[in-house]
Each structure stands twice: as structure tokens, then as C-alpha cells.
Amino acid sequence: MAGAGGLAWGAARRAWRARSARMRGADAGMITSEYALGTVAACAFAALLYRVVTSGTVKQLLEGVIGKALGGQF
């Protein structure tokens, strides 16, 4: 009986390895597509942030803050 238990564990181990290998193979392209999607989203966010920062209102606020900082008493 001890030999049969060892064979069962061996078969289970081989099945687990085969399943793990199949799952790794199925995920091979996911990382690239997720990376590409993340890059596109980051670029879109950067473009939006650039539009906000270069708008007239924000530009005036930043100039005011910088002017106060440079014109302060030391």
C-alpha cells in the first residue's frame, strides 16, 4: 500500500506541474498588454495635467505664488 500512495502523490505532482505550466503559458501575453494600457493611461494623464497647468488661471496662480516667494523679506 505504501507504494501505491507514493505513485498517487507522484501522479498528483506531475498533474500540478503540468497545470502550472499551462497557466503560465496562458498568461504570457497579458503582461505586455497591461503594460501598454498602463503606458497609454499615463500619457493621457500627463496630457491632461499639462493642459490644466498651462491654463491661464493656474498660470496666474503659480506666478503669484512664485512672485510672493521671490519678493519676500529675508
PDB file of N, CA and C in Angstrom:
ATOM      1  N   MET A   1       0.798  -1.198   0.000  1.00  0.00           N
ATOM      2  CA  MET A   1       0.000   0.000   0.000  1.00  0.00           C
ATOM      3  C   MET A   1       0.846   1.270   0.000  1.00  0.00           C
ATOM      4  N   ALA A   2       2.007   1.207   0.641  1.00  0.00           N
ATOM      5  CA  ALA A   2       2.855   2.395   0.699  1.00  0.00           C
ATOM      6  C   ALA A   2       3.305   2.789  -0.708  1.00  0.00           C
ATOM      7  N   GLY A   3       3.557   1.785  -1.560  1.00  0.00           N
ATOM      8  CA  GLY A   3       3.985   2.070  -2.924  1.00  0.00           C
ATOM      9  C   GLY A   3       2.888   2.736  -3.734  1.00  0.00           C
ATOM     10  N   ALA A   4       1.643   2.330  -3.513  1.00  0.00           N
ATOM     11  CA  ALA A   4       0.516   2.907  -4.246  1.00  0.00           C
ATOM     12  C   ALA A   4       0.322   4.370  -3.850  1.00  0.00           C
ATOM     13  N   GLY A   5       0.511   4.681  -2.544  1.00  0.00           N
ATOM     14  CA  GLY A   5       0.385   6.063  -2.096  1.00  0.00           C
ATOM     15  C   GLY A   5       1.447   6.951  -2.717  1.00  0.00           C
ATOM     16  N   GLY A   6       2.654   6.414  -2.837  1.00  0.00           N
ATOM     17  CA  GLY A   6       3.737   7.162  -3.460  1.00  0.00           C
ATOM     18  C   GLY A   6       3.469   7.424  -4.929  1.00  0.00           C
ATOM     19  N   LEU A   7       2.868   6.427  -5.594  1.00  0.00           N
ATOM     20  CA  LEU A   7       2.527   6.619  -7.004  1.00  0.00           C
ATOM     21  C   LEU A   7       1.437   7.676  -7.171  1.00  0.00           C
ATOM     22  N   ALA A   8       0.485   7.673  -6.248  1.00  0.00           N
ATOM     23  CA  ALA A   8      -0.598   8.659  -6.315  1.00  0.00           C
ATOM     24  C   ALA A   8      -0.039  10.071  -6.132  1.00  0.00           C
ATOM     25  N   TRP A   9       0.873  10.238  -5.166  1.00  0.00           N
ATOM     26  CA  TRP A   9       1.480  11.551  -4.948  1.00  0.00           C
ATOM     27  C   TRP A   9       2.306  11.979  -6.163  1.00  0.00           C
ATOM     28  N   GLY A  10       2.992  11.033  -6.754  1.00  0.00           N
ATOM     29  CA  GLY A  10       3.783  11.347  -7.948  1.00  0.00           C
ATOM     30  C   GLY A  10       2.896  11.805  -9.098  1.00  0.00           C
ATOM     31  N   ALA A  11       1.772  11.113  -9.281  1.00  0.00           N
ATOM     32  CA  ALA A  11       0.838  11.490 -10.342  1.00  0.00           C
ATOM     33  C   ALA A  11       0.237  12.870 -10.061  1.00  0.00           C
ATOM     34  N   ALA A  12      -0.111  13.124  -8.804  1.00  0.00           N
ATOM     35  CA  ALA A  12      -0.675  14.422  -8.435  1.00  0.00           C
ATOM     36  C   ALA A  12       0.348  15.538  -8.667  1.00  0.00           C
ATOM     37  N   ARG A  13       1.595  15.259  -8.321  1.00  0.00           N
ATOM     38  CA  ARG A  13       2.662  16.252  -8.502  1.00  0.00           C
ATOM     39  C   ARG A  13       2.863  16.559  -9.992  1.00  0.00           C
ATOM     40  N   ARG A  14       2.861  15.500 -10.833  1.00  0.00           N
ATOM     41  CA  ARG A  14       3.013  15.720 -12.278  1.00  0.00           C
ATOM     42  C   ARG A  14       1.836  16.500 -12.840  1.00  0.00           C
ATOM     43  N   ALA A  15       0.624  16.180 -12.374  1.00  0.00           N
ATOM     44  CA  ALA A  15      -0.565  16.903 -12.841  1.00  0.00           C
ATOM     45  C   ALA A  15      -0.491  18.374 -12.437  1.00  0.00           C
ATOM     46  N   TRP A  16      -0.041  18.633 -11.217  1.00  0.00           N
ATOM     47  CA  TRP A  16       0.084  20.009 -10.735  1.00  0.00           C
ATOM     48  C   TRP A  16       1.112  20.788 -11.562  1.00  0.00           C
ATOM     49  N   ARG A  17       2.236  20.160 -11.849  1.00  0.00           N
ATOM     50  CA  ARG A  17       3.266  20.826 -12.656  1.00  0.00           C
ATOM     51  C   ARG A  17       2.751  21.122 -14.061  1.00  0.00           C
ATOM     52  N   ALA A  18       2.043  20.163 -14.649  1.00  0.00           N
ATOM     53  CA  ALA A  18       1.502  20.368 -15.997  1.00  0.00           C
ATOM     54  C   ALA A  18       0.477  21.503 -15.996  1.00  0.00           C
ATOM     55  N   ARG A  19      -0.367  21.550 -14.987  1.00  0.00           N
ATOM     56  CA  ARG A  19      -1.375  22.605 -14.875  1.00  0.00           C
ATOM     57  C   ARG A  19      -0.703  23.959 -14.684  1.00  0.00           C
ATOM     58  N   SER A  20       0.316  24.008 -13.844  1.00  0.00           N
ATOM     59  CA  SER A  20       1.041  25.258 -13.611  1.00  0.00           C
ATOM     60  C   SER A  20       1.697  25.747 -14.893  1.00  0.00           C
ATOM     61  N   ALA A  21       2.270  24.829 -15.659  1.00  0.00           N
ATOM     62  CA  ALA A  21       2.918  25.199 -16.914  1.00  0.00           C
ATOM     63  C   ALA A  21       1.902  25.747 -17.909  1.00  0.00           C
ATOM     64  N   ARG A  22       0.726  25.125 -17.972  1.00  0.00           N
ATOM     65  CA  ARG A  22      -0.320  25.611 -18.875  1.00  0.00           C
ATOM     66  C   ARG A  22      -0.775  27.005 -18.470  1.00  0.00           C
ATOM     67  N   MET A  23      -0.922  27.246 -17.186  1.00  0.00           N
ATOM     68  CA  MET A  23      -1.378  28.548 -16.714  1.00  0.00           C
ATOM     69  C   MET A  23      -0.335  29.624 -17.000  1.00  0.00           C
ATOM     70  N   ARG A  24       0.934  29.311 -16.836  1.00  0.00           N
ATOM     71  CA  ARG A  24       1.974  30.289 -17.146  1.00  0.00           C
ATOM     72  C   ARG A  24       1.968  30.611 -18.632  1.00  0.00           C
ATOM     73  N   GLY A  25       1.758  29.621 -19.464  1.00  0.00           N
ATOM     74  CA  GLY A  25       1.725  29.842 -20.907  1.00  0.00           C
ATOM     75  C   GLY A  25       0.539  30.688 -21.324  1.00  0.00           C
ATOM     76  N   ALA A  26      -0.594  30.547 -20.650  1.00  0.00           N
ATOM     77  CA  ALA A  26      -1.787  31.314 -20.991  1.00  0.00           C
ATOM     78  C   ALA A  26      -1.631  32.774 -20.591  1.00  0.00           C
ATOM     79  N   ASP A  27      -0.804  33.066 -19.613  1.00  0.00           N
ATOM     80  CA  ASP A  27      -0.631  34.430 -19.136  1.00  0.00           C
ATOM     81  C   ASP A  27       0.502  35.164 -19.832  1.00  0.00           C
ATOM     82  N   ALA A  28       1.169  34.549 -20.773  1.00  0.00           N
ATOM     83  CA  ALA A  28       2.378  35.129 -21.356  1.00  0.00           C
ATOM     84  C   ALA A  28       2.123  36.489 -21.997  1.00  0.00           C
ATOM     85  N   GLY A  29       1.005  36.687 -22.686  1.00  0.00           N
ATOM     86  CA  GLY A  29       0.744  37.956 -23.358  1.00  0.00           C
ATOM     87  C   GLY A  29       0.067  38.994 -22.502  1.00  0.00           C
ATOM     88  N   MET A  30      -0.405  38.617 -21.351  1.00  0.00           N
ATOM     89  CA  MET A  30      -1.132  39.559 -20.515  1.00  0.00           C
ATOM     90  C   MET A  30      -0.247  40.682 -20.000  1.00  0.00           C
ATOM     91  N   ILE A  31       0.958  40.393 -19.647  1.00  0.00           N
ATOM     92  CA  ILE A  31       1.831  41.401 -19.075  1.00  0.00           C
ATOM     93  C   ILE A  31       2.098  42.509 -20.092  1.00  0.00           C
ATOM     94  N   THR A  32       2.353  42.160 -21.333  1.00  0.00           N
ATOM     95  CA  THR A  32       2.636  43.151 -22.359  1.00  0.00           C
ATOM     96  C   THR A  32       1.436  44.049 -22.606  1.00  0.00           C
ATOM     97  N   SER A  33       0.258  43.478 -22.692  1.00  0.00           N
ATOM     98  CA  SER A  33      -0.929  44.294 -22.950  1.00  0.00           C
ATOM     99  C   SER A  33      -1.252  45.187 -21.756  1.00  0.00           C
ATOM    100  N   GLU A  34      -1.053  44.683 -20.564  1.00  0.00           N
ATOM    101  CA  GLU A  34      -1.288  45.523 -19.383  1.00  0.00           C
ATOM    102  C   GLU A  34      -0.271  46.657 -19.331  1.00  0.00           C
ATOM    103  N   TYR A  35       0.956  46.376 -19.679  1.00  0.00           N
ATOM    104  CA  TYR A  35       1.995  47.407 -19.706  1.00  0.00           C
ATOM    105  C   TYR A  35       1.649  48.484 -20.740  1.00  0.00           C
ATOM    106  N   ALA A  36       1.199  48.064 -21.905  1.00  0.00           N
ATOM    107  CA  ALA A  36       0.828  49.014 -22.955  1.00  0.00           C
ATOM    108  C   ALA A  36      -0.353  49.871 -22.519  1.00  0.00           C
ATOM    109  N   LEU A  37      -1.344  49.259 -21.911  1.00  0.00           N
ATOM    110  CA  LEU A  37      -2.511  50.003 -21.452  1.00  0.00           C
ATOM    111  C   LEU A  37      -2.121  50.996 -20.359  1.00  0.00           C
ATOM    112  N   GLY A  38      -1.259  50.580 -19.462  1.00  0.00           N
ATOM    113  CA  GLY A  38      -0.790  51.479 -18.407  1.00  0.00           C
ATOM    114  C   GLY A  38      -0.001  52.653 -18.974  1.00  0.00           C
ATOM    115  N   THR A  39       0.802  52.400 -20.006  1.00  0.00           N
ATOM    116  CA  THR A  39       1.571  53.468 -20.648  1.00  0.00           C
ATOM    117  C   THR A  39       0.651  54.474 -21.323  1.00  0.00           C
ATOM    118  N   VAL A  40      -0.368  53.990 -22.011  1.00  0.00           N
ATOM    119  CA  VAL A  40      -1.326  54.876 -22.679  1.00  0.00           C
ATOM    120  C   VAL A  40      -2.070  55.716 -21.639  1.00  0.00           C
ATOM    121  N   ALA A  41      -2.480  55.086 -20.547  1.00  0.00           N
ATOM    122  CA  ALA A  41      -3.194  55.813 -19.494  1.00  0.00           C
ATOM    123  C   ALA A  41      -2.289  56.877 -18.860  1.00  0.00           C
ATOM    124  N   ALA A  42      -1.032  56.552 -18.630  1.00  0.00           N
ATOM    125  CA  ALA A  42      -0.098  57.522 -18.049  1.00  0.00           C
ATOM    126  C   ALA A  42       0.116  58.705 -18.992  1.00  0.00           C
ATOM    127  N   CYS A  43       0.216  58.438 -20.280  1.00  0.00           N
ATOM    128  CA  CYS A  43       0.382  59.524 -21.253  1.00  0.00           C
ATOM    129  C   CYS A  43      -0.860  60.410 -21.314  1.00  0.00           C
ATOM    130  N   ALA A  44      -2.023  59.796 -21.257  1.00  0.00           N
ATOM    131  CA  ALA A  44      -3.268  60.570 -21.257  1.00  0.00           C
ATOM    132  C   ALA A  44      -3.359  61.445 -20.010  1.00  0.00           C
ATOM    133  N   PHE A  45      -2.984  60.901 -18.865  1.00  0.00           N
ATOM    134  CA  PHE A  45      -2.996  61.675 -17.630  1.00  0.00           C
ATOM    135  C   PHE A  45      -1.987  62.818 -17.698  1.00  0.00           C
ATOM    136  N   ALA A  46      -0.811  62.572 -18.266  1.00  0.00           N
ATOM    137  CA  ALA A  46       0.201  63.616 -18.403  1.00  0.00           C
ATOM    138  C   ALA A  46      -0.298  64.738 -19.312  1.00  0.00           C
ATOM    139  N   ALA A  47      -0.967  64.386 -20.402  1.00  0.00           N
ATOM    140  CA  ALA A  47      -1.508  65.389 -21.316  1.00  0.00           C
ATOM    141  C   ALA A  47      -2.579  66.232 -20.625  1.00  0.00           C
ATOM    142  N   LEU A  48      -3.433  65.579 -19.862  1.00  0.00           N
ATOM    143  CA  LEU A  48      -4.473  66.297 -19.122  1.00  0.00           C
ATOM    144  C   LEU A  48      -3.855  67.229 -18.080  1.00  0.00           C
ATOM    145  N   LEU A  49      -2.869  66.745 -17.363  1.00  0.00           N
ATOM    146  CA  LEU A  49      -2.191  67.560 -16.363  1.00  0.00           C
ATOM    147  C   LEU A  49      -1.490  68.750 -17.013  1.00  0.00           C
ATOM    148  N   TYR A  50      -0.880  68.546 -18.154  1.00  0.00           N
ATOM    149  CA  TYR A  50      -0.225  69.634 -18.883  1.00  0.00           C
ATOM    150  C   TYR A  50      -1.239  70.710 -19.275  1.00  0.00           C
ATOM    151  N   ARG A  51      -2.410  70.275 -19.753  1.00  0.00           N
ATOM    152  CA  ARG A  51      -3.455  71.229 -20.142  1.00  0.00           C
ATOM    153  C   ARG A  51      -3.914  72.046 -18.941  1.00  0.00           C
ATOM    154  N   VAL A  52      -4.051  71.400 -17.790  1.00  0.00           N
ATOM    155  CA  VAL A  52      -4.503  72.103 -16.594  1.00  0.00           C
ATOM    156  C   VAL A  52      -3.442  73.092 -16.126  1.00  0.00           C
ATOM    157  N   VAL A  53      -2.191  72.657 -16.068  1.00  0.00           N
ATOM    158  CA  VAL A  53      -1.117  73.512 -15.555  1.00  0.00           C
ATOM    159  C   VAL A  53      -0.857  74.699 -16.481  1.00  0.00           C
ATOM    160  N   THR A  54      -1.026  74.526 -17.772  1.00  0.00           N
ATOM    161  CA  THR A  54      -0.760  75.622 -18.706  1.00  0.00           C
ATOM    162  C   THR A  54      -1.988  76.486 -18.959  1.00  0.00           C
ATOM    163  N   SER A  55      -3.091  76.228 -18.279  1.00  0.00           N
ATOM    164  CA  SER A  55      -4.271  77.080 -18.443  1.00  0.00           C
ATOM    165  C   SER A  55      -3.993  78.443 -17.815  1.00  0.00           C
ATOM    166  N   GLY A  56      -4.726  79.446 -18.241  1.00  0.00           N
ATOM    167  CA  GLY A  56      -4.495  80.815 -17.780  1.00  0.00           C
ATOM    168  C   GLY A  56      -4.642  80.979 -16.277  1.00  0.00           C
ATOM    169  N   THR A  57      -5.672  80.378 -15.707  1.00  0.00           N
ATOM    170  CA  THR A  57      -5.930  80.524 -14.277  1.00  0.00           C
ATOM    171  C   THR A  57      -4.802  79.935 -13.436  1.00  0.00           C
ATOM    172  N   VAL A  58      -4.400  78.747 -13.756  1.00  0.00           N
ATOM    173  CA  VAL A  58      -3.344  78.090 -12.988  1.00  0.00           C
ATOM    174  C   VAL A  58      -2.021  78.812 -13.197  1.00  0.00           C
ATOM    175  N   LYS A  59      -1.784  79.284 -14.411  1.00  0.00           N
ATOM    176  CA  LYS A  59      -0.559  80.032 -14.689  1.00  0.00           C
ATOM    177  C   LYS A  59      -0.482  81.278 -13.803  1.00  0.00           C
ATOM    178  N   GLN A  60      -1.578  82.012 -13.687  1.00  0.00           N
ATOM    179  CA  GLN A  60      -1.611  83.212 -12.856  1.00  0.00           C
ATOM    180  C   GLN A  60      -1.386  82.872 -11.387  1.00  0.00           C
ATOM    181  N   LEU A  61      -2.003  81.791 -10.922  1.00  0.00           N
ATOM    182  CA  LEU A  61      -1.815  81.385  -9.526  1.00  0.00           C
ATOM    183  C   LEU A  61      -0.359  81.023  -9.248  1.00  0.00           C
ATOM    184  N   LEU A  62       0.260  80.261 -10.153  1.00  0.00           N
ATOM    185  CA  LEU A  62       1.662  79.883  -9.970  1.00  0.00           C
ATOM    186  C   LEU A  62       2.582  81.104 -10.012  1.00  0.00           C
ATOM    187  N   GLU A  63       2.320  82.033 -10.923  1.00  0.00           N
ATOM    188  CA  GLU A  63       3.124  83.252 -10.991  1.00  0.00           C
ATOM    189  C   GLU A  63       2.983  84.065  -9.712  1.00  0.00           C
ATOM    190  N   GLY A  64       1.772  84.098  -9.150  1.00  0.00           N
ATOM    191  CA  GLY A  64       1.553  84.815  -7.892  1.00  0.00           C
ATOM    192  C   GLY A  64       2.318  84.190  -6.744  1.00  0.00           C
ATOM    193  N   VAL A  65       2.287  82.887  -6.653  1.00  0.00           N
ATOM    194  CA  VAL A  65       3.000  82.182  -5.583  1.00  0.00           C
ATOM    195  C   VAL A  65       4.504  82.392  -5.716  1.00  0.00           C
ATOM    196  N   ILE A  66       5.017  82.268  -6.935  1.00  0.00           N
ATOM    197  CA  ILE A  66       6.451  82.452  -7.160  1.00  0.00           C
ATOM    198  C   ILE A  66       6.850  83.905  -6.892  1.00  0.00           C
ATOM    199  N   GLY A  67       6.010  84.852  -7.312  1.00  0.00           N
ATOM    200  CA  GLY A  67       6.295  86.267  -7.070  1.00  0.00           C
ATOM    201  C   GLY A  67       6.359  86.582  -5.586  1.00  0.00           C
ATOM    202  N   LYS A  68       5.434  86.015  -4.801  1.00  0.00           N
ATOM    203  CA  LYS A  68       5.442  86.233  -3.354  1.00  0.00           C
ATOM    204  C   LYS A  68       6.688  85.602  -2.727  1.00  0.00           C
ATOM    205  N   ALA A  69       7.064  84.432  -3.218  1.00  0.00           N
ATOM    206  CA  ALA A  69       8.243  83.745  -2.653  1.00  0.00           C
ATOM    207  C   ALA A  69       9.521  84.514  -2.938  1.00  0.00           C
ATOM    208  N   LEU A  70       9.630  85.042  -4.138  1.00  0.00           N
ATOM    209  CA  LEU A  70      10.848  85.781  -4.503  1.00  0.00           C
ATOM    210  C   LEU A  70      10.863  87.190  -3.948  1.00  0.00           C
ATOM    211  N   GLY A  71       9.711  87.785  -3.725  1.00  0.00           N
ATOM    212  CA  GLY A  71       9.640  89.154  -3.233  1.00  0.00           C
ATOM    213  C   GLY A  71       9.572  89.251  -1.723  1.00  0.00           C
ATOM    214  N   GLY A  72       9.705  88.131  -1.011  1.00  0.00           N
ATOM    215  CA  GLY A  72       9.610  88.110   0.445  1.00  0.00           C
ATOM    216  C   GLY A  72      10.812  88.737   1.113  1.00  0.00           C
ATOM    217  N   GLN A  73      10.620  89.147   2.364  1.00  0.00           N
ATOM    218  CA  GLN A  73      11.692  89.742   3.151  1.00  0.00           C
ATOM    219  C   GLN A  73      12.567  88.634   3.758  1.00  0.00           C
ATOM    220  N   PHE A  74      13.867  88.816   3.759  1.00  0.00           N
ATOM    221  CA  PHE A  74      14.787  87.848   4.336  1.00  0.00           C
ATOM    222  C   PHE A  74      15.356  88.372   5.606  1.00  0.00           C
TER     223      PHE A  74
END
